[in-house]
Every structure is written in C-alpha cells, then in structure tokens.
Amino acid sequence: MAQEYPIPRFHFQVDWGGAKMSFTEVTGLVMEREKIEYRHSDSKDFNKISMPGMVKNNNITLKRGKFEGDFDYNTWLEEIANERVNGRRDLVIRLLNEKHEPVAAWAAARCFPVKVTAPDLKSDANEIAVETLEVAHEGLKLMKV
C-alpha cells in the first residue's frame, strides 16, 4: 500500500564508516551527469545532439553540535593529509520513517574530508556550537532499502 503523504526530512541516520553518528543537517546529496553536445561536420541539422557525459560528484556537507573532547573531524583531516592508507570512509545516509525504518538511503563511496569549519563564536548567542564537515567522494548512489 502506497503512503499517502511525503516523508519528513528531519528523521535520518548517518553511518560513518561503520559507526552511526548524529548530525543536525546533511546537504549535497546530488547526483549529476555532465552533458556532451556534439554536431557532426556534415550534419544537415543546424543543432547539436546531446549525450550523457561524465558523472560529477558534488561534496557532501555534514553539520553537528560540537562536544567537549571530540576532535574526530580534525583527526580524520590529518590522517588524509598524511596520506594514510585507511583514511577514506564510506558513508551511508538513511532517511527513516516514523517506525525508525529506512525508506531511502544514499551511499557515498571512499569519502575524505576536504574542509572542517569550527563553530561561529558570539558572546551574546544562545545557540549550540555547530561544526561543519565537507567531504568529497568517488560516487553517490541511491540504494534500495
């Protein structure tokens, strides 16, 4: 039986190379393919034809609250900078329903951090400190759940 309403976007889970981590926001789940335009030299048509080209991988951005003594993002960034073999991680992002069951999932292969942003600091603010991690990957796929 088909669901009669769209799934809310606030209930999701991130599998971070084997460990499940909580995030407040995940953006950049984009699947994009470049377009190749071509016109043969003796074509009688005055237009180009279009063909699918290379896949373009956009970075994924993850945000979460900063916890005391938690420097996992920075440690991962340093591991990649030192070219350690096991530095890359696969990420799986799952959108969950009200029963906490996955209804959609995206898998990003061989991710590595490209940018870590510390929380903005403001003396009169009343919000939690949120840090941001931007990761590059070698392919994003929509998984069947």
N, C-alpha and C. Protein backbone atom coordinates (compact mmCIF):
# COMPACT_ATOMS: atom_id res chain seq x y z
N MET A 1 0.84 -1.18 0.00
CA MET A 1 0.00 0.00 0.00
C MET A 1 0.89 1.25 0.00
N ALA A 2 0.60 2.14 -0.89
CA ALA A 2 1.42 3.36 -1.02
C ALA A 2 1.11 4.34 0.11
N GLN A 3 2.12 5.02 0.52
CA GLN A 3 1.98 6.03 1.56
C GLN A 3 1.26 7.24 0.98
N GLU A 4 0.39 7.87 1.76
CA GLU A 4 -0.42 8.97 1.25
C GLU A 4 0.19 10.34 1.49
N TYR A 5 1.31 10.41 2.17
CA TYR A 5 1.93 11.70 2.44
C TYR A 5 3.45 11.56 2.30
N PRO A 6 4.11 12.67 1.96
CA PRO A 6 5.58 12.62 1.81
C PRO A 6 6.27 12.34 3.15
N ILE A 7 7.47 11.85 3.06
CA ILE A 7 8.27 11.52 4.24
C ILE A 7 8.92 12.80 4.77
N PRO A 8 8.85 13.05 6.07
CA PRO A 8 9.54 14.23 6.61
C PRO A 8 11.06 14.06 6.52
N ARG A 9 11.77 15.17 6.43
CA ARG A 9 13.21 15.12 6.22
C ARG A 9 14.03 15.20 7.49
N PHE A 10 13.40 15.30 8.64
CA PHE A 10 14.14 15.52 9.89
C PHE A 10 14.59 14.24 10.58
N HIS A 11 14.13 13.07 10.14
CA HIS A 11 14.47 11.81 10.81
C HIS A 11 15.42 11.01 9.91
N PHE A 12 16.71 11.10 10.20
CA PHE A 12 17.70 10.45 9.35
C PHE A 12 18.86 9.94 10.21
N GLN A 13 19.67 9.10 9.59
CA GLN A 13 20.79 8.46 10.29
C GLN A 13 21.99 8.43 9.34
N VAL A 14 23.17 8.64 9.89
CA VAL A 14 24.39 8.61 9.08
C VAL A 14 25.30 7.50 9.61
N ASP A 15 25.63 6.57 8.73
CA ASP A 15 26.59 5.51 9.05
C ASP A 15 27.94 6.00 8.55
N TRP A 16 28.82 6.24 9.49
CA TRP A 16 30.09 6.91 9.26
C TRP A 16 31.21 5.88 9.28
N GLY A 17 31.40 5.17 8.20
CA GLY A 17 32.45 4.17 8.14
C GLY A 17 32.30 3.06 9.16
N GLY A 18 31.07 2.67 9.46
CA GLY A 18 30.81 1.60 10.41
C GLY A 18 30.19 2.05 11.71
N ALA A 19 30.34 3.32 12.08
CA ALA A 19 29.75 3.85 13.31
C ALA A 19 28.61 4.79 12.94
N LYS A 20 27.52 4.72 13.70
CA LYS A 20 26.39 5.60 13.46
C LYS A 20 26.59 6.89 14.26
N MET A 21 26.48 8.02 13.57
CA MET A 21 26.70 9.30 14.22
C MET A 21 25.48 10.19 14.00
N SER A 22 25.24 11.09 14.94
CA SER A 22 24.13 12.02 14.84
C SER A 22 24.60 13.32 14.21
N PHE A 23 23.80 13.83 13.30
CA PHE A 23 24.07 15.11 12.66
C PHE A 23 22.79 15.92 12.66
N THR A 24 22.93 17.23 12.64
CA THR A 24 21.75 18.09 12.59
C THR A 24 21.34 18.38 11.16
N GLU A 25 22.29 18.22 10.23
CA GLU A 25 21.99 18.55 8.84
C GLU A 25 22.94 17.82 7.90
N VAL A 26 22.41 17.34 6.79
CA VAL A 26 23.20 16.74 5.72
C VAL A 26 22.73 17.38 4.42
N THR A 27 23.66 17.98 3.67
CA THR A 27 23.30 18.57 2.38
C THR A 27 24.31 18.11 1.33
N GLY A 28 23.92 18.26 0.08
CA GLY A 28 24.81 17.91 -1.02
C GLY A 28 24.59 16.52 -1.59
N LEU A 29 23.45 15.91 -1.29
CA LEU A 29 23.15 14.59 -1.86
C LEU A 29 22.65 14.80 -3.28
N VAL A 30 23.58 15.09 -4.16
CA VAL A 30 23.27 15.46 -5.54
C VAL A 30 23.88 14.43 -6.48
N MET A 31 23.06 13.91 -7.39
CA MET A 31 23.56 13.03 -8.44
C MET A 31 23.43 13.78 -9.76
N GLU A 32 24.57 14.02 -10.40
CA GLU A 32 24.58 14.87 -11.58
C GLU A 32 25.49 14.27 -12.65
N ARG A 33 25.07 14.40 -13.89
CA ARG A 33 25.86 13.93 -15.02
C ARG A 33 26.04 15.10 -15.98
N GLU A 34 27.27 15.28 -16.46
CA GLU A 34 27.54 16.35 -17.42
C GLU A 34 26.93 16.00 -18.77
N LYS A 35 26.60 17.03 -19.52
CA LYS A 35 26.01 16.84 -20.84
C LYS A 35 27.08 17.13 -21.90
N ILE A 36 27.18 16.24 -22.88
CA ILE A 36 28.09 16.43 -24.00
C ILE A 36 27.25 16.86 -25.20
N GLU A 37 27.65 17.97 -25.80
CA GLU A 37 26.97 18.43 -27.01
C GLU A 37 27.89 18.20 -28.21
N TYR A 38 27.30 17.74 -29.30
CA TYR A 38 28.11 17.38 -30.46
C TYR A 38 27.32 17.67 -31.73
N ARG A 39 28.03 18.14 -32.75
CA ARG A 39 27.44 18.30 -34.08
C ARG A 39 28.44 17.79 -35.09
N HIS A 40 28.01 16.84 -35.87
CA HIS A 40 28.87 16.26 -36.92
C HIS A 40 29.07 17.32 -38.00
N SER A 41 30.24 17.32 -38.62
CA SER A 41 30.60 18.37 -39.58
C SER A 41 29.71 18.41 -40.83
N ASP A 42 29.16 17.26 -41.24
CA ASP A 42 28.31 17.28 -42.44
C ASP A 42 26.83 17.10 -42.10
N SER A 43 26.45 17.39 -40.85
CA SER A 43 25.06 17.28 -40.44
C SER A 43 24.22 18.35 -41.13
N LYS A 44 23.07 17.97 -41.64
CA LYS A 44 22.18 18.92 -42.31
C LYS A 44 21.33 19.69 -41.29
N ASP A 45 21.30 19.19 -40.05
CA ASP A 45 20.57 19.89 -39.00
C ASP A 45 21.45 21.01 -38.44
N PHE A 46 20.83 22.12 -38.12
CA PHE A 46 21.56 23.23 -37.53
C PHE A 46 21.44 23.23 -36.02
N ASN A 47 21.59 22.08 -35.45
CA ASN A 47 21.59 21.96 -34.00
C ASN A 47 22.51 20.84 -33.56
N LYS A 48 22.82 20.84 -32.29
CA LYS A 48 23.71 19.83 -31.72
C LYS A 48 22.87 18.70 -31.15
N ILE A 49 23.48 17.53 -31.06
CA ILE A 49 22.83 16.44 -30.33
C ILE A 49 23.44 16.40 -28.93
N SER A 50 22.69 15.87 -27.98
CA SER A 50 23.16 15.77 -26.59
C SER A 50 23.34 14.32 -26.21
N MET A 51 24.42 14.06 -25.46
CA MET A 51 24.72 12.71 -24.98
C MET A 51 25.11 12.80 -23.51
N PRO A 52 24.89 11.72 -22.75
CA PRO A 52 25.35 11.74 -21.35
C PRO A 52 26.86 11.67 -21.28
N GLY A 53 27.43 12.46 -20.37
CA GLY A 53 28.88 12.51 -20.20
C GLY A 53 29.32 11.95 -18.86
N MET A 54 30.37 12.52 -18.33
CA MET A 54 30.95 12.06 -17.07
C MET A 54 30.06 12.42 -15.90
N VAL A 55 30.15 11.62 -14.84
CA VAL A 55 29.42 11.90 -13.60
C VAL A 55 30.17 12.98 -12.84
N LYS A 56 29.42 13.92 -12.29
CA LYS A 56 30.01 14.99 -11.49
C LYS A 56 29.65 14.73 -10.03
N ASN A 57 30.66 14.63 -9.18
CA ASN A 57 30.45 14.36 -7.76
C ASN A 57 30.57 15.65 -6.96
N ASN A 58 29.46 16.08 -6.36
CA ASN A 58 29.45 17.25 -5.51
C ASN A 58 29.84 16.85 -4.09
N ASN A 59 30.40 17.77 -3.34
CA ASN A 59 30.76 17.49 -1.96
C ASN A 59 29.51 17.38 -1.09
N ILE A 60 29.61 16.58 -0.04
CA ILE A 60 28.54 16.42 0.93
C ILE A 60 28.93 17.19 2.18
N THR A 61 27.99 17.94 2.73
CA THR A 61 28.24 18.74 3.93
C THR A 61 27.45 18.16 5.09
N LEU A 62 28.13 17.92 6.21
CA LEU A 62 27.52 17.37 7.42
C LEU A 62 27.72 18.37 8.56
N LYS A 63 26.65 18.62 9.32
CA LYS A 63 26.73 19.54 10.45
C LYS A 63 26.27 18.83 11.71
N ARG A 64 26.95 19.16 12.82
CA ARG A 64 26.56 18.59 14.11
C ARG A 64 27.06 19.49 15.23
N GLY A 65 26.45 19.29 16.39
CA GLY A 65 26.87 20.04 17.57
C GLY A 65 28.26 19.63 18.00
N LYS A 66 29.02 20.60 18.51
CA LYS A 66 30.38 20.35 18.98
C LYS A 66 30.33 19.83 20.41
N PHE A 67 31.04 18.74 20.68
CA PHE A 67 31.10 18.15 22.02
C PHE A 67 32.51 18.30 22.57
N GLU A 68 32.60 18.44 23.86
CA GLU A 68 33.89 18.59 24.53
C GLU A 68 34.76 17.36 24.29
N GLY A 69 36.00 17.58 23.88
CA GLY A 69 36.95 16.49 23.68
C GLY A 69 36.76 15.71 22.40
N ASP A 70 35.84 16.12 21.53
CA ASP A 70 35.58 15.41 20.29
C ASP A 70 36.28 16.11 19.14
N PHE A 71 37.32 15.45 18.61
CA PHE A 71 38.11 16.02 17.53
C PHE A 71 38.20 15.05 16.36
N ASP A 72 37.17 14.21 16.17
CA ASP A 72 37.20 13.18 15.13
C ASP A 72 37.36 13.78 13.74
N TYR A 73 36.65 14.88 13.45
CA TYR A 73 36.76 15.53 12.14
C TYR A 73 38.21 15.92 11.87
N ASN A 74 38.82 16.60 12.84
CA ASN A 74 40.18 17.09 12.66
C ASN A 74 41.19 15.96 12.55
N THR A 75 40.99 14.89 13.34
CA THR A 75 41.86 13.72 13.26
C THR A 75 41.78 13.10 11.87
N TRP A 76 40.56 12.98 11.34
CA TRP A 76 40.37 12.41 10.01
C TRP A 76 41.05 13.28 8.96
N LEU A 77 40.91 14.60 9.08
CA LEU A 77 41.55 15.52 8.14
C LEU A 77 43.07 15.36 8.17
N GLU A 78 43.65 15.19 9.36
CA GLU A 78 45.10 14.99 9.49
C GLU A 78 45.53 13.65 8.90
N GLU A 79 44.72 12.60 9.08
CA GLU A 79 45.06 11.29 8.52
C GLU A 79 45.14 11.36 7.00
N ILE A 80 44.20 12.04 6.39
CA ILE A 80 44.19 12.18 4.93
C ILE A 80 45.39 13.01 4.48
N ALA A 81 45.70 14.07 5.23
CA ALA A 81 46.83 14.94 4.87
C ALA A 81 48.14 14.16 4.89
N ASN A 82 48.25 13.20 5.79
CA ASN A 82 49.46 12.38 5.90
C ASN A 82 49.41 11.16 4.97
N GLU A 83 48.40 11.07 4.12
CA GLU A 83 48.24 10.02 3.13
C GLU A 83 48.26 8.61 3.73
N ARG A 84 47.60 8.46 4.85
CA ARG A 84 47.47 7.11 5.42
C ARG A 84 46.54 6.28 4.56
N VAL A 85 46.82 5.01 4.45
CA VAL A 85 46.09 4.13 3.54
C VAL A 85 44.61 4.01 3.92
N ASN A 86 44.30 3.88 5.19
CA ASN A 86 42.92 3.64 5.61
C ASN A 86 42.15 4.92 5.93
N GLY A 87 42.53 6.03 5.35
CA GLY A 87 41.91 7.30 5.68
C GLY A 87 40.53 7.50 5.10
N ARG A 88 40.20 6.87 3.99
CA ARG A 88 38.90 7.07 3.36
C ARG A 88 37.83 6.21 4.04
N ARG A 89 36.60 6.73 4.04
CA ARG A 89 35.48 6.02 4.66
C ARG A 89 34.28 6.07 3.73
N ASP A 90 33.46 5.03 3.80
CA ASP A 90 32.18 5.04 3.09
C ASP A 90 31.13 5.61 4.03
N LEU A 91 30.23 6.42 3.49
CA LEU A 91 29.14 6.97 4.27
C LEU A 91 27.81 6.48 3.70
N VAL A 92 26.89 6.15 4.59
CA VAL A 92 25.53 5.79 4.18
C VAL A 92 24.59 6.70 4.95
N ILE A 93 23.75 7.43 4.22
CA ILE A 93 22.77 8.31 4.83
C ILE A 93 21.41 7.69 4.60
N ARG A 94 20.66 7.45 5.68
CA ARG A 94 19.35 6.81 5.60
C ARG A 94 18.26 7.76 6.07
N LEU A 95 17.23 7.90 5.27
CA LEU A 95 16.03 8.63 5.66
C LEU A 95 15.11 7.62 6.31
N LEU A 96 14.63 7.92 7.53
CA LEU A 96 13.84 6.97 8.31
C LEU A 96 12.38 7.39 8.40
N ASN A 97 11.49 6.39 8.54
CA ASN A 97 10.07 6.68 8.74
C ASN A 97 9.77 6.75 10.24
N GLU A 98 8.50 6.87 10.58
CA GLU A 98 8.11 7.01 11.99
C GLU A 98 8.38 5.75 12.82
N LYS A 99 8.60 4.62 12.16
CA LYS A 99 8.94 3.37 12.86
C LYS A 99 10.46 3.18 12.94
N HIS A 100 11.22 4.21 12.57
CA HIS A 100 12.69 4.20 12.57
C HIS A 100 13.26 3.21 11.54
N GLU A 101 12.49 2.94 10.49
CA GLU A 101 12.93 2.05 9.41
C GLU A 101 13.39 2.89 8.22
N PRO A 102 14.47 2.47 7.54
CA PRO A 102 14.92 3.23 6.38
C PRO A 102 13.93 3.12 5.22
N VAL A 103 13.64 4.25 4.61
CA VAL A 103 12.77 4.28 3.43
C VAL A 103 13.54 4.74 2.19
N ALA A 104 14.68 5.37 2.40
CA ALA A 104 15.58 5.75 1.31
C ALA A 104 16.99 5.80 1.89
N ALA A 105 17.97 5.49 1.06
CA ALA A 105 19.36 5.52 1.53
C ALA A 105 20.27 5.90 0.39
N TRP A 106 21.29 6.69 0.72
CA TRP A 106 22.30 7.11 -0.23
C TRP A 106 23.66 6.64 0.27
N ALA A 107 24.45 6.05 -0.61
CA ALA A 107 25.79 5.58 -0.26
C ALA A 107 26.82 6.42 -1.01
N ALA A 108 27.75 6.99 -0.26
CA ALA A 108 28.85 7.77 -0.84
C ALA A 108 30.13 6.96 -0.64
N ALA A 109 30.83 6.68 -1.73
CA ALA A 109 31.99 5.79 -1.71
C ALA A 109 33.30 6.55 -1.50
N ARG A 110 34.17 5.96 -0.69
CA ARG A 110 35.55 6.42 -0.49
C ARG A 110 35.64 7.91 -0.19
N CYS A 111 34.92 8.33 0.83
CA CYS A 111 34.88 9.75 1.23
C CYS A 111 36.15 10.16 1.95
N PHE A 112 36.49 11.42 1.79
CA PHE A 112 37.58 12.00 2.56
C PHE A 112 37.25 13.47 2.83
N PRO A 113 37.67 14.00 3.98
CA PRO A 113 37.33 15.38 4.33
C PRO A 113 38.15 16.38 3.52
N VAL A 114 37.48 17.43 3.09
CA VAL A 114 38.18 18.49 2.38
C VAL A 114 38.11 19.82 3.14
N LYS A 115 37.19 19.90 4.11
CA LYS A 115 37.04 21.15 4.85
C LYS A 115 36.35 20.90 6.18
N VAL A 116 36.93 21.44 7.24
CA VAL A 116 36.32 21.41 8.57
C VAL A 116 36.15 22.86 9.01
N THR A 117 34.92 23.21 9.38
CA THR A 117 34.64 24.58 9.82
C THR A 117 34.25 24.56 11.28
N ALA A 118 34.99 25.31 12.09
CA ALA A 118 34.70 25.42 13.53
C ALA A 118 33.41 26.22 13.71
N PRO A 119 32.77 26.05 14.87
CA PRO A 119 31.54 26.81 15.14
C PRO A 119 31.80 28.31 15.14
N ASP A 120 30.81 29.08 14.72
CA ASP A 120 30.87 30.53 14.85
C ASP A 120 30.74 30.87 16.33
N LEU A 121 31.52 31.81 16.79
CA LEU A 121 31.52 32.19 18.20
C LEU A 121 30.96 33.60 18.34
N LYS A 122 30.06 33.75 19.31
CA LYS A 122 29.42 35.05 19.53
C LYS A 122 29.06 35.16 21.00
N SER A 123 29.52 36.21 21.66
CA SER A 123 29.38 36.33 23.11
C SER A 123 27.94 36.46 23.58
N ASP A 124 27.03 36.96 22.77
CA ASP A 124 25.64 37.11 23.21
C ASP A 124 24.70 36.09 22.57
N ALA A 125 25.25 35.02 21.99
CA ALA A 125 24.42 34.00 21.33
C ALA A 125 23.82 33.03 22.35
N ASN A 126 22.73 32.41 21.95
CA ASN A 126 22.04 31.45 22.81
C ASN A 126 21.81 30.13 22.08
N GLU A 127 22.67 29.81 21.12
CA GLU A 127 22.54 28.57 20.36
C GLU A 127 23.71 27.64 20.68
N ILE A 128 23.55 26.38 20.29
CA ILE A 128 24.66 25.45 20.47
C ILE A 128 25.73 25.70 19.41
N ALA A 129 26.95 25.28 19.71
CA ALA A 129 28.06 25.40 18.77
C ALA A 129 27.95 24.27 17.75
N VAL A 130 27.87 24.63 16.47
CA VAL A 130 27.72 23.65 15.39
C VAL A 130 28.95 23.70 14.51
N GLU A 131 29.57 22.52 14.31
CA GLU A 131 30.72 22.43 13.42
C GLU A 131 30.29 21.78 12.12
N THR A 132 31.05 22.05 11.06
CA THR A 132 30.70 21.58 9.73
C THR A 132 31.85 20.79 9.13
N LEU A 133 31.50 19.69 8.48
CA LEU A 133 32.48 18.87 7.77
C LEU A 133 32.02 18.75 6.32
N GLU A 134 32.92 19.04 5.41
CA GLU A 134 32.64 18.87 3.99
C GLU A 134 33.50 17.74 3.48
N VAL A 135 32.87 16.75 2.84
CA VAL A 135 33.61 15.59 2.34
C VAL A 135 33.45 15.46 0.83
N ALA A 136 34.53 15.03 0.19
CA ALA A 136 34.50 14.67 -1.22
C ALA A 136 34.31 13.15 -1.29
N HIS A 137 33.82 12.67 -2.40
CA HIS A 137 33.59 11.23 -2.55
C HIS A 137 33.79 10.82 -3.99
N GLU A 138 33.78 9.52 -4.22
CA GLU A 138 34.00 8.99 -5.57
C GLU A 138 32.74 8.42 -6.19
N GLY A 139 31.60 8.79 -5.68
CA GLY A 139 30.34 8.34 -6.26
C GLY A 139 29.25 8.25 -5.23
N LEU A 140 28.07 8.73 -5.62
CA LEU A 140 26.88 8.69 -4.76
C LEU A 140 25.83 7.85 -5.45
N LYS A 141 25.28 6.89 -4.72
CA LYS A 141 24.26 6.00 -5.30
C LYS A 141 23.05 5.95 -4.39
N LEU A 142 21.88 5.93 -4.98
CA LEU A 142 20.64 5.70 -4.24
C LEU A 142 20.51 4.19 -4.07
N MET A 143 20.42 3.76 -2.81
CA MET A 143 20.36 2.33 -2.51
C MET A 143 18.91 1.88 -2.38
N LYS A 144 18.64 0.66 -2.71
CA LYS A 144 17.32 0.08 -2.48
C LYS A 144 17.27 -0.40 -1.04
N VAL A 145 16.20 -0.05 -0.34
CA VAL A 145 16.06 -0.46 1.07
C VAL A 145 14.96 -1.48 1.22
